[in-house]
Structures are given as C-alpha cells and as structure tokens.
Amino acid sequence: MKVSRFSFSAFQELTYVIWDEASRECAIIDPGCYYKRERQVLENFIEKNNLTVKYLLVTHIHLDHYFGVPFVSRTYNVPVSACQADEPLLEVMPYQADMYGTPLPEAPIAIGHYLHGGDRLQLGNEPIEVLHVPGHSKGSLAYYLPESGCVFCGDALFEGSIGRTDLPGGDFEELLTSIRTQLFTLPGDTVAYPGHGSETTIAREIQHNPFLQ
C-alpha cells in the first residue's frame, strides 16, 4: 500500500492518503484541510494519481481532524466512517472551534457509516483492520494494515508521547490500556503513523515511550 501524508491547518494535523497501486482505490484518513488552497492540494493529488476514493476514515472527531471532512464527503460522494461513541463531539465542535479561536470552514456533517473495533475493510487486495483505542476520545479508532505493516493511530500514540486526555471523553488510564492492548500487541516493526508529528514504530514506543514504562 502506498502512503502519502499532508500537514494541514495551524494545528499541523496530518492527513493521510493510502492507495492500492493496482486498483487505484484509496482511503483518505482524517482530512484536516482547512484553507481552500489545502483542499486544492488534496484534490489535485487525487486527480494526478488517478485515484478513486473508496473510504473517508476518521480516527476521532476533534475539529482539527474534521475540518475537511464535509469537503471530501461531498466531492467524492463517500460517507464519513467513524465510531458512534464519538458522535456527541459533533455537537460541541462549534464550541471547541470558538475555544481555539478557529472558526469552522463549514458545519460538521454526521457519521454515515459506523465502525467498530474488529471490523475489516478492503482496499484493493489488502485488508484494513479497525482497532478501538479509546482514551483520547471515547470513539478513537486506529486503522491497521497487516500486510503493509503499518497502523494509523490518530492522536492515541505519538513518538515518545501519547494523546492528551483533558478534552471531553478523554481518560488517561483508558488510553494507556488501549495502547497496551491494541497497539503494543502489533508486530514490533509496525510503522505507526500519528495524527501529528513524526512516524515511529511499535517496538520503539514499547522500549522508550516514557508514559508506558
């Protein structure tokens, strides 16, 4: 599976496009494109690579990961795939935007397809396993591609750190448990792609992450 990443908005949120070279099917994970020029960058990339958007996958419903969701859903006619447990965050998103002084580019849209831990999706010839990793939010998900050896973990796990737990739905102990039982059980050489910052590996975080020693 091919992976491309884009850093969008003042939050430097990472949006990922993953695609199967044979079928040209792709999934867009956490489209955080805020400005018109950022949306154009994403749209140009899809067009240039002749990709068909099959999935719009959301790891969690915080505004920086959701800025571009209405645009992507509308442009490519794909439903929002996310966890139902994060649905209440849609209602408070305008208040969250006010708190950060960042007006929403457009109103958030509803989840169209509920995902649960244990679900499996298919992109081209490769499966995507859905992992439920609550703690940063109640409905936080990670997307694991066993054949490509990578996991898209949103804001659950970072290089040398973990997601914040002081926002609505956050729970520190729950997050640590999620990481240990859902992410640290993956093969050590699995590449972890976070929602912000540098990629890392599961083995590196098991050995060196100070929050999980």
N, C-alpha and C. Protein backbone atom coordinates (compact mmCIF):
# COMPACT_ATOMS: atom_id res chain seq x y z
N MET A 1 0.84 -1.19 0.00
CA MET A 1 0.00 0.00 0.00
C MET A 1 0.88 1.25 0.00
N LYS A 2 0.54 2.19 -0.84
CA LYS A 2 1.26 3.46 -0.89
C LYS A 2 0.66 4.41 0.14
N VAL A 3 1.53 5.22 0.75
CA VAL A 3 1.11 6.15 1.79
C VAL A 3 1.66 7.53 1.47
N SER A 4 0.79 8.53 1.45
CA SER A 4 1.22 9.92 1.34
C SER A 4 0.59 10.71 2.47
N ARG A 5 1.35 11.66 3.00
CA ARG A 5 0.82 12.44 4.11
C ARG A 5 0.89 13.93 3.81
N PHE A 6 -0.03 14.66 4.40
CA PHE A 6 -0.14 16.11 4.21
C PHE A 6 -0.33 16.75 5.58
N SER A 7 0.35 17.84 5.81
CA SER A 7 0.18 18.60 7.06
C SER A 7 -0.70 19.80 6.78
N PHE A 8 -1.84 19.86 7.47
CA PHE A 8 -2.83 20.89 7.19
C PHE A 8 -3.16 21.72 8.43
N SER A 9 -3.56 22.95 8.19
CA SER A 9 -4.09 23.90 9.17
C SER A 9 -3.01 24.33 10.17
N ALA A 10 -3.37 25.29 11.01
CA ALA A 10 -2.45 25.78 12.03
C ALA A 10 -2.14 24.71 13.07
N PHE A 11 -2.97 23.67 13.13
CA PHE A 11 -2.75 22.58 14.09
C PHE A 11 -1.70 21.59 13.59
N GLN A 12 -1.24 21.76 12.35
CA GLN A 12 -0.29 20.84 11.73
C GLN A 12 -0.77 19.39 11.85
N GLU A 13 -2.04 19.24 11.59
CA GLU A 13 -2.65 17.90 11.61
C GLU A 13 -2.23 17.13 10.37
N LEU A 14 -2.02 15.84 10.53
CA LEU A 14 -1.57 15.01 9.42
C LEU A 14 -2.75 14.26 8.81
N THR A 15 -2.94 14.50 7.53
CA THR A 15 -3.93 13.79 6.73
C THR A 15 -3.19 12.77 5.87
N TYR A 16 -3.74 11.58 5.79
CA TYR A 16 -3.09 10.52 5.02
C TYR A 16 -3.99 10.07 3.86
N VAL A 17 -3.34 9.82 2.73
CA VAL A 17 -4.00 9.14 1.62
C VAL A 17 -3.26 7.83 1.42
N ILE A 18 -3.97 6.74 1.51
CA ILE A 18 -3.38 5.42 1.27
C ILE A 18 -4.07 4.82 0.05
N TRP A 19 -3.27 4.19 -0.81
CA TRP A 19 -3.90 3.67 -2.03
C TRP A 19 -3.20 2.42 -2.53
N ASP A 20 -4.02 1.62 -3.23
CA ASP A 20 -3.58 0.38 -3.85
C ASP A 20 -3.19 0.69 -5.30
N GLU A 21 -1.95 0.40 -5.64
CA GLU A 21 -1.44 0.78 -6.97
C GLU A 21 -2.15 0.07 -8.11
N ALA A 22 -2.58 -1.17 -7.88
CA ALA A 22 -3.22 -1.93 -8.96
C ALA A 22 -4.62 -1.42 -9.26
N SER A 23 -5.43 -1.27 -8.23
CA SER A 23 -6.83 -0.87 -8.43
C SER A 23 -7.02 0.64 -8.45
N ARG A 24 -6.06 1.39 -7.90
CA ARG A 24 -6.13 2.85 -7.73
C ARG A 24 -7.20 3.25 -6.72
N GLU A 25 -7.71 2.30 -5.95
CA GLU A 25 -8.61 2.63 -4.86
C GLU A 25 -7.81 3.29 -3.74
N CYS A 26 -8.42 4.29 -3.09
CA CYS A 26 -7.73 4.95 -1.99
C CYS A 26 -8.68 5.22 -0.83
N ALA A 27 -8.08 5.46 0.32
CA ALA A 27 -8.79 5.92 1.50
C ALA A 27 -8.14 7.21 1.97
N ILE A 28 -8.95 8.17 2.35
CA ILE A 28 -8.45 9.41 2.94
C ILE A 28 -8.71 9.33 4.43
N ILE A 29 -7.65 9.47 5.21
CA ILE A 29 -7.75 9.35 6.66
C ILE A 29 -7.59 10.73 7.30
N ASP A 30 -8.60 11.14 8.06
CA ASP A 30 -8.56 12.40 8.82
C ASP A 30 -8.26 13.62 7.96
N PRO A 31 -9.11 13.94 7.00
CA PRO A 31 -8.85 15.13 6.19
C PRO A 31 -8.99 16.42 7.02
N GLY A 32 -7.86 17.03 7.33
CA GLY A 32 -7.85 18.24 8.14
C GLY A 32 -7.64 19.50 7.33
N CYS A 33 -7.87 19.43 6.03
CA CYS A 33 -7.63 20.59 5.17
C CYS A 33 -8.61 21.72 5.53
N TYR A 34 -8.06 22.83 5.96
CA TYR A 34 -8.85 23.96 6.46
C TYR A 34 -9.04 25.03 5.41
N TYR A 35 -7.93 25.42 4.78
CA TYR A 35 -7.97 26.51 3.80
C TYR A 35 -8.30 25.96 2.41
N LYS A 36 -8.80 26.84 1.57
CA LYS A 36 -9.15 26.46 0.20
C LYS A 36 -7.94 25.90 -0.53
N ARG A 37 -6.77 26.50 -0.32
CA ARG A 37 -5.57 26.01 -1.02
C ARG A 37 -5.20 24.61 -0.55
N GLU A 38 -5.48 24.28 0.73
CA GLU A 38 -5.19 22.94 1.23
C GLU A 38 -6.14 21.92 0.61
N ARG A 39 -7.38 22.31 0.45
CA ARG A 39 -8.33 21.42 -0.20
C ARG A 39 -7.92 21.18 -1.65
N GLN A 40 -7.41 22.21 -2.28
CA GLN A 40 -6.97 22.08 -3.67
C GLN A 40 -5.78 21.14 -3.78
N VAL A 41 -4.86 21.22 -2.81
CA VAL A 41 -3.71 20.32 -2.79
C VAL A 41 -4.17 18.87 -2.74
N LEU A 42 -5.11 18.58 -1.87
CA LEU A 42 -5.61 17.22 -1.74
C LEU A 42 -6.34 16.78 -3.01
N GLU A 43 -7.17 17.65 -3.54
CA GLU A 43 -7.92 17.32 -4.74
C GLU A 43 -6.99 17.10 -5.93
N ASN A 44 -5.97 17.94 -6.05
CA ASN A 44 -5.01 17.78 -7.14
C ASN A 44 -4.25 16.46 -7.04
N PHE A 45 -3.92 16.07 -5.81
CA PHE A 45 -3.20 14.81 -5.61
C PHE A 45 -4.05 13.63 -6.06
N ILE A 46 -5.32 13.63 -5.67
CA ILE A 46 -6.22 12.54 -6.06
C ILE A 46 -6.34 12.47 -7.58
N GLU A 47 -6.49 13.62 -8.21
CA GLU A 47 -6.65 13.67 -9.66
C GLU A 47 -5.36 13.26 -10.38
N LYS A 48 -4.23 13.79 -9.93
CA LYS A 48 -2.95 13.50 -10.58
C LYS A 48 -2.63 12.01 -10.56
N ASN A 49 -2.99 11.35 -9.48
CA ASN A 49 -2.68 9.92 -9.34
C ASN A 49 -3.81 9.01 -9.79
N ASN A 50 -4.85 9.63 -10.37
CA ASN A 50 -5.96 8.86 -10.93
C ASN A 50 -6.55 7.90 -9.90
N LEU A 51 -6.84 8.43 -8.71
CA LEU A 51 -7.34 7.62 -7.61
C LEU A 51 -8.85 7.70 -7.50
N THR A 52 -9.43 6.61 -7.04
CA THR A 52 -10.86 6.56 -6.72
C THR A 52 -11.00 6.48 -5.21
N VAL A 53 -11.67 7.45 -4.62
CA VAL A 53 -11.82 7.47 -3.16
C VAL A 53 -12.90 6.49 -2.74
N LYS A 54 -12.48 5.44 -2.05
CA LYS A 54 -13.42 4.42 -1.59
C LYS A 54 -13.87 4.67 -0.16
N TYR A 55 -12.96 5.18 0.68
CA TYR A 55 -13.28 5.38 2.09
C TYR A 55 -12.85 6.77 2.55
N LEU A 56 -13.64 7.33 3.45
CA LEU A 56 -13.29 8.51 4.23
C LEU A 56 -13.26 8.05 5.67
N LEU A 57 -12.06 7.83 6.19
CA LEU A 57 -11.88 7.24 7.51
C LEU A 57 -11.46 8.31 8.51
N VAL A 58 -12.13 8.32 9.66
CA VAL A 58 -11.83 9.28 10.72
C VAL A 58 -11.37 8.52 11.95
N THR A 59 -10.23 8.91 12.51
CA THR A 59 -9.76 8.24 13.73
C THR A 59 -10.51 8.73 14.96
N HIS A 60 -10.86 10.03 14.99
CA HIS A 60 -11.62 10.58 16.11
C HIS A 60 -12.18 11.93 15.69
N ILE A 61 -13.23 12.35 16.36
CA ILE A 61 -13.94 13.55 15.93
C ILE A 61 -13.52 14.75 16.78
N HIS A 62 -12.29 15.21 16.55
CA HIS A 62 -11.85 16.52 17.04
C HIS A 62 -11.71 17.42 15.83
N LEU A 63 -11.91 18.72 16.06
CA LEU A 63 -12.07 19.61 14.92
C LEU A 63 -10.91 19.61 13.95
N ASP A 64 -9.66 19.48 14.43
CA ASP A 64 -8.52 19.55 13.51
C ASP A 64 -8.47 18.34 12.58
N HIS A 65 -9.09 17.25 12.97
CA HIS A 65 -9.14 16.06 12.12
C HIS A 65 -10.41 16.03 11.27
N TYR A 66 -11.27 17.04 11.44
CA TYR A 66 -12.58 17.03 10.80
C TYR A 66 -12.81 18.22 9.89
N PHE A 67 -11.88 19.17 9.86
CA PHE A 67 -12.06 20.38 9.06
C PHE A 67 -12.47 20.07 7.63
N GLY A 68 -11.79 19.11 7.01
CA GLY A 68 -12.02 18.83 5.59
C GLY A 68 -12.99 17.71 5.31
N VAL A 69 -13.59 17.15 6.35
CA VAL A 69 -14.50 16.01 6.17
C VAL A 69 -15.69 16.37 5.28
N PRO A 70 -16.39 17.48 5.52
CA PRO A 70 -17.52 17.80 4.63
C PRO A 70 -17.10 17.93 3.17
N PHE A 71 -15.95 18.58 2.94
CA PHE A 71 -15.46 18.76 1.58
C PHE A 71 -15.18 17.43 0.90
N VAL A 72 -14.48 16.53 1.59
CA VAL A 72 -14.13 15.24 0.99
C VAL A 72 -15.38 14.41 0.74
N SER A 73 -16.29 14.38 1.71
CA SER A 73 -17.50 13.59 1.56
C SER A 73 -18.33 14.09 0.38
N ARG A 74 -18.44 15.39 0.24
CA ARG A 74 -19.23 15.99 -0.84
C ARG A 74 -18.56 15.81 -2.20
N THR A 75 -17.25 16.03 -2.24
CA THR A 75 -16.52 15.99 -3.51
C THR A 75 -16.47 14.58 -4.09
N TYR A 76 -16.29 13.58 -3.22
CA TYR A 76 -16.10 12.21 -3.71
C TYR A 76 -17.28 11.30 -3.41
N ASN A 77 -18.34 11.88 -2.86
CA ASN A 77 -19.58 11.13 -2.61
C ASN A 77 -19.31 9.87 -1.78
N VAL A 78 -18.61 10.06 -0.67
CA VAL A 78 -18.33 8.95 0.24
C VAL A 78 -18.83 9.33 1.64
N PRO A 79 -19.37 8.37 2.38
CA PRO A 79 -19.84 8.66 3.73
C PRO A 79 -18.67 8.77 4.71
N VAL A 80 -18.93 9.43 5.81
CA VAL A 80 -17.95 9.51 6.89
C VAL A 80 -17.98 8.19 7.66
N SER A 81 -16.83 7.54 7.78
CA SER A 81 -16.72 6.31 8.56
C SER A 81 -16.00 6.62 9.86
N ALA A 82 -16.68 6.41 10.98
CA ALA A 82 -16.11 6.73 12.29
C ALA A 82 -16.87 5.92 13.34
N CYS A 83 -16.46 6.08 14.59
CA CYS A 83 -17.06 5.34 15.70
C CYS A 83 -18.24 6.13 16.28
N GLN A 84 -19.32 5.45 16.54
CA GLN A 84 -20.53 6.09 17.07
C GLN A 84 -20.29 6.74 18.42
N ALA A 85 -19.35 6.20 19.19
CA ALA A 85 -19.09 6.75 20.52
C ALA A 85 -18.59 8.19 20.47
N ASP A 86 -18.07 8.61 19.33
CA ASP A 86 -17.59 9.99 19.18
C ASP A 86 -18.67 10.93 18.64
N GLU A 87 -19.86 10.42 18.37
CA GLU A 87 -20.91 11.23 17.77
C GLU A 87 -21.26 12.48 18.59
N PRO A 88 -21.29 12.40 19.93
CA PRO A 88 -21.60 13.61 20.71
C PRO A 88 -20.62 14.76 20.47
N LEU A 89 -19.41 14.45 20.02
CA LEU A 89 -18.42 15.51 19.79
C LEU A 89 -18.79 16.39 18.61
N LEU A 90 -19.67 15.91 17.72
CA LEU A 90 -20.11 16.73 16.60
C LEU A 90 -20.89 17.95 17.11
N GLU A 91 -21.67 17.75 18.17
CA GLU A 91 -22.49 18.83 18.70
C GLU A 91 -21.66 19.92 19.36
N VAL A 92 -20.55 19.54 19.97
CA VAL A 92 -19.73 20.52 20.70
C VAL A 92 -18.61 21.08 19.83
N MET A 93 -18.49 20.61 18.59
CA MET A 93 -17.39 21.07 17.76
C MET A 93 -17.40 22.59 17.53
N PRO A 94 -18.55 23.23 17.31
CA PRO A 94 -18.53 24.70 17.16
C PRO A 94 -17.99 25.41 18.40
N TYR A 95 -18.30 24.88 19.58
CA TYR A 95 -17.79 25.48 20.81
C TYR A 95 -16.29 25.25 20.95
N GLN A 96 -15.85 24.07 20.53
CA GLN A 96 -14.42 23.76 20.53
C GLN A 96 -13.69 24.71 19.59
N ALA A 97 -14.29 24.99 18.44
CA ALA A 97 -13.69 25.92 17.49
C ALA A 97 -13.59 27.32 18.09
N ASP A 98 -14.62 27.76 18.80
CA ASP A 98 -14.58 29.07 19.45
C ASP A 98 -13.49 29.10 20.51
N MET A 99 -13.32 28.02 21.24
CA MET A 99 -12.31 27.95 22.29
C MET A 99 -10.91 28.16 21.72
N TYR A 100 -10.67 27.64 20.51
CA TYR A 100 -9.36 27.77 19.88
C TYR A 100 -9.27 28.99 18.98
N GLY A 101 -10.36 29.75 18.88
CA GLY A 101 -10.34 30.92 18.01
C GLY A 101 -10.19 30.56 16.55
N THR A 102 -10.74 29.40 16.16
CA THR A 102 -10.61 28.91 14.79
C THR A 102 -11.99 28.57 14.25
N PRO A 103 -12.65 29.49 13.56
CA PRO A 103 -13.99 29.20 13.04
C PRO A 103 -13.97 28.00 12.11
N LEU A 104 -15.01 27.19 12.19
CA LEU A 104 -15.10 26.04 11.31
C LEU A 104 -15.27 26.51 9.86
N PRO A 105 -14.59 25.89 8.91
CA PRO A 105 -14.74 26.27 7.50
C PRO A 105 -16.15 26.00 6.99
N GLU A 106 -16.81 24.99 7.53
CA GLU A 106 -18.21 24.71 7.26
C GLU A 106 -18.73 23.79 8.35
N ALA A 107 -20.04 23.69 8.46
CA ALA A 107 -20.64 22.90 9.54
C ALA A 107 -20.24 21.43 9.44
N PRO A 108 -19.96 20.80 10.56
CA PRO A 108 -19.61 19.37 10.52
C PRO A 108 -20.80 18.54 10.04
N ILE A 109 -20.51 17.41 9.44
CA ILE A 109 -21.57 16.52 8.95
C ILE A 109 -21.58 15.23 9.76
N ALA A 110 -22.69 14.54 9.70
CA ALA A 110 -22.91 13.35 10.51
C ALA A 110 -22.09 12.16 10.01
N ILE A 111 -21.87 11.22 10.91
CA ILE A 111 -21.26 9.94 10.54
C ILE A 111 -22.24 9.20 9.64
N GLY A 112 -21.75 8.67 8.55
CA GLY A 112 -22.60 7.93 7.63
C GLY A 112 -22.44 6.42 7.74
N HIS A 113 -21.31 6.00 8.31
CA HIS A 113 -21.02 4.56 8.43
C HIS A 113 -20.30 4.34 9.75
N TYR A 114 -20.96 3.62 10.66
CA TYR A 114 -20.36 3.35 11.96
C TYR A 114 -19.33 2.22 11.86
N LEU A 115 -18.18 2.45 12.46
CA LEU A 115 -17.13 1.44 12.55
C LEU A 115 -16.96 1.00 14.00
N HIS A 116 -16.55 -0.25 14.16
CA HIS A 116 -16.35 -0.83 15.48
C HIS A 116 -15.02 -1.57 15.50
N GLY A 117 -14.44 -1.68 16.67
CA GLY A 117 -13.25 -2.49 16.80
C GLY A 117 -13.52 -3.91 16.35
N GLY A 118 -12.64 -4.45 15.52
CA GLY A 118 -12.83 -5.79 14.98
C GLY A 118 -13.37 -5.80 13.56
N ASP A 119 -13.87 -4.64 13.08
CA ASP A 119 -14.33 -4.56 11.70
C ASP A 119 -13.14 -4.70 10.74
N ARG A 120 -13.44 -5.18 9.54
CA ARG A 120 -12.42 -5.29 8.50
C ARG A 120 -12.93 -4.61 7.23
N LEU A 121 -12.09 -3.79 6.64
CA LEU A 121 -12.39 -3.16 5.37
C LEU A 121 -11.44 -3.73 4.32
N GLN A 122 -11.75 -3.48 3.08
CA GLN A 122 -10.91 -3.98 2.00
C GLN A 122 -10.57 -2.84 1.05
N LEU A 123 -9.29 -2.60 0.86
CA LEU A 123 -8.84 -1.57 -0.08
C LEU A 123 -7.96 -2.25 -1.12
N GLY A 124 -8.46 -2.35 -2.33
CA GLY A 124 -7.74 -3.14 -3.31
C GLY A 124 -7.68 -4.58 -2.83
N ASN A 125 -6.48 -5.14 -2.80
CA ASN A 125 -6.32 -6.52 -2.34
C ASN A 125 -5.90 -6.62 -0.89
N GLU A 126 -5.90 -5.49 -0.17
CA GLU A 126 -5.37 -5.52 1.19
C GLU A 126 -6.44 -5.19 2.23
N PRO A 127 -6.48 -5.98 3.30
CA PRO A 127 -7.45 -5.69 4.36
C PRO A 127 -6.98 -4.55 5.27
N ILE A 128 -7.94 -3.85 5.84
CA ILE A 128 -7.69 -2.85 6.87
C ILE A 128 -8.46 -3.30 8.11
N GLU A 129 -7.76 -3.47 9.21
CA GLU A 129 -8.40 -3.89 10.46
C GLU A 129 -8.66 -2.66 11.32
N VAL A 130 -9.86 -2.57 11.84
CA VAL A 130 -10.26 -1.44 12.68
C VAL A 130 -10.02 -1.79 14.14
N LEU A 131 -9.26 -0.95 14.83
CA LEU A 131 -8.96 -1.13 16.25
C LEU A 131 -9.62 -0.01 17.05
N HIS A 132 -10.26 -0.35 18.15
CA HIS A 132 -10.86 0.65 19.03
C HIS A 132 -9.85 0.99 20.12
N VAL A 133 -9.43 2.25 20.16
CA VAL A 133 -8.39 2.69 21.10
C VAL A 133 -8.87 3.90 21.90
N PRO A 134 -9.91 3.75 22.72
CA PRO A 134 -10.44 4.89 23.46
C PRO A 134 -9.44 5.42 24.49
N GLY A 135 -9.64 6.67 24.85
CA GLY A 135 -8.77 7.31 25.85
C GLY A 135 -8.52 8.76 25.49
N HIS A 136 -8.13 9.01 24.25
CA HIS A 136 -8.04 10.38 23.77
C HIS A 136 -9.46 10.91 23.54
N SER A 137 -10.31 10.05 23.01
CA SER A 137 -11.76 10.26 22.93
C SER A 137 -12.40 8.90 23.10
N LYS A 138 -13.70 8.89 23.38
CA LYS A 138 -14.38 7.62 23.60
C LYS A 138 -14.41 6.74 22.35
N GLY A 139 -14.43 7.39 21.20
CA GLY A 139 -14.55 6.62 19.97
C GLY A 139 -13.30 6.57 19.14
N SER A 140 -12.15 6.82 19.72
CA SER A 140 -10.91 6.80 18.94
C SER A 140 -10.68 5.44 18.30
N LEU A 141 -10.31 5.49 17.02
CA LEU A 141 -10.02 4.28 16.25
C LEU A 141 -8.62 4.35 15.68
N ALA A 142 -8.06 3.18 15.39
CA ALA A 142 -6.82 3.08 14.63
C ALA A 142 -7.09 2.13 13.48
N TYR A 143 -6.35 2.33 12.39
CA TYR A 143 -6.53 1.51 11.18
C TYR A 143 -5.22 0.78 10.90
N TYR A 144 -5.28 -0.54 10.99
CA TYR A 144 -4.09 -1.40 10.89
C TYR A 144 -4.09 -2.15 9.57
N LEU A 145 -2.99 -2.04 8.84
CA LEU A 145 -2.80 -2.76 7.58
C LEU A 145 -1.73 -3.82 7.81
N PRO A 146 -2.13 -5.05 8.11
CA PRO A 146 -1.15 -6.08 8.48
C PRO A 146 -0.17 -6.42 7.36
N GLU A 147 -0.64 -6.40 6.11
CA GLU A 147 0.25 -6.76 5.01
C GLU A 147 1.29 -5.68 4.73
N SER A 148 0.93 -4.44 4.93
CA SER A 148 1.87 -3.34 4.73
C SER A 148 2.65 -3.02 5.99
N GLY A 149 2.23 -3.58 7.11
CA GLY A 149 2.96 -3.38 8.37
C GLY A 149 2.89 -1.96 8.89
N CYS A 150 1.70 -1.38 8.88
CA CYS A 150 1.56 -0.02 9.40
C CYS A 150 0.21 0.16 10.06
N VAL A 151 0.14 1.16 10.94
CA VAL A 151 -1.09 1.48 11.64
C VAL A 151 -1.24 2.99 11.71
N PHE A 152 -2.45 3.47 11.45
CA PHE A 152 -2.76 4.89 11.52
C PHE A 152 -3.51 5.11 12.82
N CYS A 153 -2.83 5.73 13.78
CA CYS A 153 -3.32 5.71 15.16
C CYS A 153 -3.88 7.03 15.65
N GLY A 154 -4.08 7.99 14.76
CA GLY A 154 -4.69 9.24 15.18
C GLY A 154 -3.89 9.91 16.28
N ASP A 155 -4.59 10.35 17.32
CA ASP A 155 -3.92 11.02 18.43
C ASP A 155 -3.79 10.14 19.66
N ALA A 156 -3.85 8.82 19.47
CA ALA A 156 -3.68 7.90 20.60
C ALA A 156 -2.21 7.80 20.99
N LEU A 157 -1.33 7.62 20.01
CA LEU A 157 0.08 7.36 20.27
C LEU A 157 0.94 8.24 19.38
N PHE A 158 1.95 8.86 19.99
CA PHE A 158 2.92 9.67 19.25
C PHE A 158 4.33 9.15 19.52
N GLU A 159 5.28 9.65 18.77
CA GLU A 159 6.67 9.32 19.04
C GLU A 159 7.05 9.89 20.40
N GLY A 160 7.29 9.01 21.35
CA GLY A 160 7.69 9.43 22.69
C GLY A 160 6.60 10.07 23.52
N SER A 161 5.36 9.94 23.10
CA SER A 161 4.28 10.58 23.85
C SER A 161 2.95 9.87 23.57
N ILE A 162 1.89 10.40 24.18
CA ILE A 162 0.54 9.88 23.97
C ILE A 162 -0.40 11.07 23.78
N GLY A 163 -1.64 10.78 23.39
CA GLY A 163 -2.62 11.84 23.20
C GLY A 163 -3.04 12.47 24.51
N ARG A 164 -3.47 13.72 24.43
CA ARG A 164 -3.95 14.40 25.62
C ARG A 164 -5.27 13.79 26.04
N THR A 165 -5.56 13.87 27.34
CA THR A 165 -6.78 13.25 27.87
C THR A 165 -7.61 14.24 28.66
N ASP A 166 -7.36 15.54 28.47
CA ASP A 166 -8.10 16.56 29.22
C ASP A 166 -9.24 17.16 28.41
N LEU A 167 -9.54 16.60 27.24
CA LEU A 167 -10.66 17.04 26.44
C LEU A 167 -11.86 16.12 26.71
N PRO A 168 -13.09 16.56 26.32
CA PRO A 168 -14.27 15.72 26.56
C PRO A 168 -14.09 14.31 26.02
N GLY A 169 -14.37 13.33 26.89
CA GLY A 169 -14.23 11.93 26.50
C GLY A 169 -12.86 11.35 26.77
N GLY A 170 -11.92 12.19 27.23
CA GLY A 170 -10.57 11.70 27.50
C GLY A 170 -10.46 10.97 28.82
N ASP A 171 -9.60 9.99 28.88
CA ASP A 171 -9.39 9.21 30.09
C ASP A 171 -7.98 8.64 30.05
N PHE A 172 -7.12 9.10 30.94
CA PHE A 172 -5.70 8.74 30.91
C PHE A 172 -5.49 7.24 31.05
N GLU A 173 -6.08 6.63 32.06
CA GLU A 173 -5.87 5.20 32.27
C GLU A 173 -6.45 4.37 31.14
N GLU A 174 -7.58 4.80 30.61
CA GLU A 174 -8.18 4.09 29.48
C GLU A 174 -7.28 4.15 28.25
N LEU A 175 -6.64 5.30 28.04
CA LEU A 175 -5.74 5.43 26.90
C LEU A 175 -4.54 4.51 27.05
N LEU A 176 -3.94 4.47 28.23
CA LEU A 176 -2.80 3.58 28.44
C LEU A 176 -3.19 2.13 28.20
N THR A 177 -4.36 1.74 28.68
CA THR A 177 -4.84 0.37 28.46
C THR A 177 -5.04 0.09 26.98
N SER A 178 -5.63 1.06 26.28
CA SER A 178 -5.86 0.88 24.84
C SER A 178 -4.55 0.68 24.09
N ILE A 179 -3.56 1.50 24.40
CA ILE A 179 -2.27 1.40 23.72
C ILE A 179 -1.63 0.05 23.99
N ARG A 180 -1.67 -0.38 25.24
CA ARG A 180 -1.02 -1.65 25.60
C ARG A 180 -1.74 -2.85 24.97
N THR A 181 -3.06 -2.82 24.91
CA THR A 181 -3.80 -4.00 24.46
C THR A 181 -4.09 -4.00 22.96
N GLN A 182 -4.14 -2.82 22.34
CA GLN A 182 -4.50 -2.76 20.92
C GLN A 182 -3.32 -2.43 20.00
N LEU A 183 -2.41 -1.58 20.47
CA LEU A 183 -1.29 -1.16 19.62
C LEU A 183 -0.01 -1.91 19.95
N PHE A 184 0.30 -2.07 21.22
CA PHE A 184 1.55 -2.73 21.60
C PHE A 184 1.51 -4.23 21.38
N THR A 185 0.38 -4.77 20.98
CA THR A 185 0.30 -6.19 20.63
C THR A 185 0.56 -6.42 19.14
N LEU A 186 0.73 -5.34 18.39
CA LEU A 186 1.07 -5.46 16.97
C LEU A 186 2.55 -5.81 16.83
N PRO A 187 2.96 -6.35 15.69
CA PRO A 187 4.39 -6.66 15.49
C PRO A 187 5.25 -5.43 15.72
N GLY A 188 6.43 -5.65 16.30
CA GLY A 188 7.30 -4.54 16.69
C GLY A 188 7.73 -3.65 15.54
N ASP A 189 7.84 -4.21 14.34
CA ASP A 189 8.30 -3.40 13.21
C ASP A 189 7.15 -2.65 12.52
N THR A 190 5.95 -2.72 13.09
CA THR A 190 4.82 -1.98 12.53
C THR A 190 5.10 -0.48 12.62
N VAL A 191 4.95 0.22 11.51
CA VAL A 191 5.14 1.67 11.49
C VAL A 191 3.84 2.32 11.96
N ALA A 192 3.96 3.21 12.94
CA ALA A 192 2.81 3.92 13.49
C ALA A 192 2.79 5.34 12.92
N TYR A 193 1.72 5.65 12.20
CA TYR A 193 1.54 6.98 11.63
C TYR A 193 0.57 7.76 12.52
N PRO A 194 1.04 8.79 13.21
CA PRO A 194 0.18 9.53 14.14
C PRO A 194 -0.55 10.69 13.48
N GLY A 195 -1.40 11.33 14.25
CA GLY A 195 -2.13 12.48 13.75
C GLY A 195 -1.34 13.77 13.74
N HIS A 196 -0.20 13.77 14.41
CA HIS A 196 0.71 14.93 14.44
C HIS A 196 2.12 14.40 14.64
N GLY A 197 3.10 15.07 14.09
CA GLY A 197 4.49 14.72 14.35
C GLY A 197 5.02 13.59 13.49
N SER A 198 6.12 13.02 13.95
CA SER A 198 6.86 12.03 13.17
C SER A 198 6.30 10.62 13.34
N GLU A 199 6.46 9.82 12.32
CA GLU A 199 6.10 8.41 12.44
C GLU A 199 7.10 7.72 13.35
N THR A 200 6.69 6.58 13.86
CA THR A 200 7.53 5.82 14.77
C THR A 200 7.26 4.34 14.53
N THR A 201 7.77 3.47 15.38
CA THR A 201 7.45 2.05 15.29
C THR A 201 6.92 1.58 16.64
N ILE A 202 6.19 0.51 16.61
CA ILE A 202 5.65 -0.04 17.84
C ILE A 202 6.78 -0.46 18.78
N ALA A 203 7.82 -1.10 18.25
CA ALA A 203 8.94 -1.53 19.09
C ALA A 203 9.61 -0.35 19.77
N ARG A 204 9.80 0.74 19.05
CA ARG A 204 10.45 1.92 19.62
C ARG A 204 9.63 2.48 20.78
N GLU A 205 8.31 2.50 20.61
CA GLU A 205 7.47 3.06 21.67
C GLU A 205 7.38 2.11 22.87
N ILE A 206 7.38 0.82 22.63
CA ILE A 206 7.39 -0.14 23.74
C ILE A 206 8.64 0.06 24.58
N GLN A 207 9.75 0.29 23.91
CA GLN A 207 11.04 0.40 24.62
C GLN A 207 11.27 1.77 25.24
N HIS A 208 10.77 2.85 24.60
CA HIS A 208 11.22 4.17 25.00
C HIS A 208 10.13 5.16 25.39
N ASN A 209 8.87 4.87 25.12
CA ASN A 209 7.84 5.85 25.43
C ASN A 209 7.73 6.01 26.95
N PRO A 210 7.98 7.20 27.48
CA PRO A 210 8.04 7.36 28.94
C PRO A 210 6.69 7.19 29.62
N PHE A 211 5.59 7.33 28.91
CA PHE A 211 4.28 7.20 29.52
C PHE A 211 3.88 5.74 29.72
N LEU A 212 4.63 4.82 29.12
CA LEU A 212 4.21 3.42 29.12
C LEU A 212 5.29 2.50 29.69
N GLN A 213 6.21 3.06 30.43
CA GLN A 213 7.26 2.24 31.04
C GLN A 213 6.79 1.68 32.40
